[in-house]
Amino acid sequence: MHQIVLAPGSSTVPQRHPNEAVYHLTVGTGVVRDLDSGEAADLRVGSMFHVDEGTGYAFVAGPEGAELIGGPCPPDPAIYTGRGV
């Protein structure tokens, strides 16, 4: 499980994992973008989102920043080598 803390308006790098991922927004607001379909969903504190295996995605923090917990399961080793894209 990971903790991701983002400054206002910042975003994660594009992600794509061989397994599914789940995140919970614990602080702030933001948008999760499906990089394959172009769809986006607004998130607020308490929101959870699921990403299907192999789907490209990125999270963009709202104006007050954001904090998420979660990640791919099982963990994606590429994250730790800088190739989690």
Protein backbone atom coordinates (compact mmCIF):
# COMPACT_ATOMS: atom_id res chain seq x y z
CA MET A 1 0.00 0.00 0.00
CA HIS A 2 1.28 3.46 -0.86
CA GLN A 3 0.62 6.95 0.45
CA ILE A 4 0.64 9.58 -2.29
CA VAL A 5 0.69 13.26 -1.30
CA LEU A 6 0.18 15.80 -4.08
CA ALA A 7 0.51 19.59 -4.00
CA PRO A 8 -2.39 21.68 -5.32
CA GLY A 9 -2.88 21.10 -9.06
CA SER A 10 -0.09 18.52 -9.34
CA SER A 11 -0.52 15.03 -10.73
CA THR A 12 0.86 11.54 -10.65
CA VAL A 13 2.87 10.33 -13.62
CA PRO A 14 0.81 8.22 -16.03
CA GLN A 15 0.44 4.70 -14.60
CA ARG A 16 -0.32 1.31 -16.14
CA HIS A 17 0.02 -1.95 -14.21
CA PRO A 18 -0.37 -5.63 -15.13
CA ASN A 19 -2.82 -6.02 -12.21
CA GLU A 20 -5.74 -4.02 -10.87
CA ALA A 21 -5.29 -1.07 -8.49
CA VAL A 22 -7.49 0.57 -5.83
CA TYR A 23 -7.08 3.96 -4.16
CA HIS A 24 -8.86 5.90 -1.39
CA LEU A 25 -8.79 9.70 -1.25
CA THR A 26 -8.13 10.71 2.37
CA VAL A 27 -7.48 14.46 1.96
CA GLY A 28 -8.53 17.06 -0.62
CA THR A 29 -10.20 16.67 -3.99
CA GLY A 30 -9.10 15.69 -7.46
CA VAL A 31 -9.79 13.95 -10.73
CA VAL A 32 -8.79 10.47 -11.88
CA ARG A 33 -8.34 10.21 -15.65
CA ASP A 34 -8.65 7.02 -17.70
CA LEU A 35 -5.89 7.57 -20.25
CA ASP A 36 -7.28 4.92 -22.59
CA SER A 37 -10.92 6.04 -22.83
CA GLY A 38 -10.43 9.73 -22.02
CA GLU A 39 -13.04 9.53 -19.25
CA ALA A 40 -12.52 11.38 -15.96
CA ALA A 41 -14.17 11.21 -12.54
CA ASP A 42 -14.21 13.88 -9.83
CA LEU A 43 -13.20 12.66 -6.38
CA ARG A 44 -13.62 14.05 -2.87
CA VAL A 45 -12.58 12.88 0.60
CA GLY A 46 -13.84 9.35 1.13
CA SER A 47 -13.94 8.47 -2.58
CA MET A 48 -12.45 5.20 -3.74
CA PHE A 49 -11.58 4.24 -7.28
CA HIS A 50 -10.72 0.97 -8.95
CA VAL A 51 -8.50 0.65 -12.02
CA ASP A 52 -8.74 -2.48 -14.18
CA GLU A 53 -5.54 -4.31 -15.03
CA GLY A 54 -3.65 -2.81 -17.95
CA THR A 55 -5.61 0.48 -17.92
CA GLY A 56 -3.63 3.72 -18.17
CA TYR A 57 -4.54 6.32 -15.54
CA ALA A 58 -3.38 9.45 -13.73
CA PHE A 59 -4.66 11.40 -10.73
CA VAL A 60 -4.73 15.22 -10.67
CA ALA A 61 -5.03 16.98 -7.31
CA GLY A 62 -7.58 19.74 -6.76
CA PRO A 63 -6.82 23.31 -5.60
CA GLU A 64 -6.14 22.25 -2.01
CA GLY A 65 -3.94 19.27 -2.90
CA ALA A 66 -4.72 15.64 -2.21
CA GLU A 67 -3.60 12.55 -0.34
CA LEU A 68 -4.37 9.01 -1.50
CA ILE A 69 -3.65 5.58 -0.13
CA GLY A 70 -3.66 2.39 -2.18
CA GLY A 71 -1.99 1.01 -5.26
CA PRO A 72 -1.79 -2.02 -7.51
CA CYS A 73 -2.34 -5.48 -6.06
CA PRO A 74 -0.16 -7.41 -6.09
CA PRO A 75 2.47 -4.65 -6.12
CA ASP A 76 3.93 -3.78 -9.53
CA PRO A 77 7.75 -4.10 -9.33
CA ALA A 78 8.11 -1.55 -12.16
CA ILE A 79 7.05 1.20 -9.73
CA TYR A 80 10.26 0.70 -7.79
CA THR A 81 12.53 0.81 -10.80
CA GLY A 82 11.06 4.03 -12.23
CA ARG A 83 9.21 2.23 -15.02
CA GLY A 84 5.67 2.21 -13.58
CA VAL A 85 4.32 3.87 -16.73
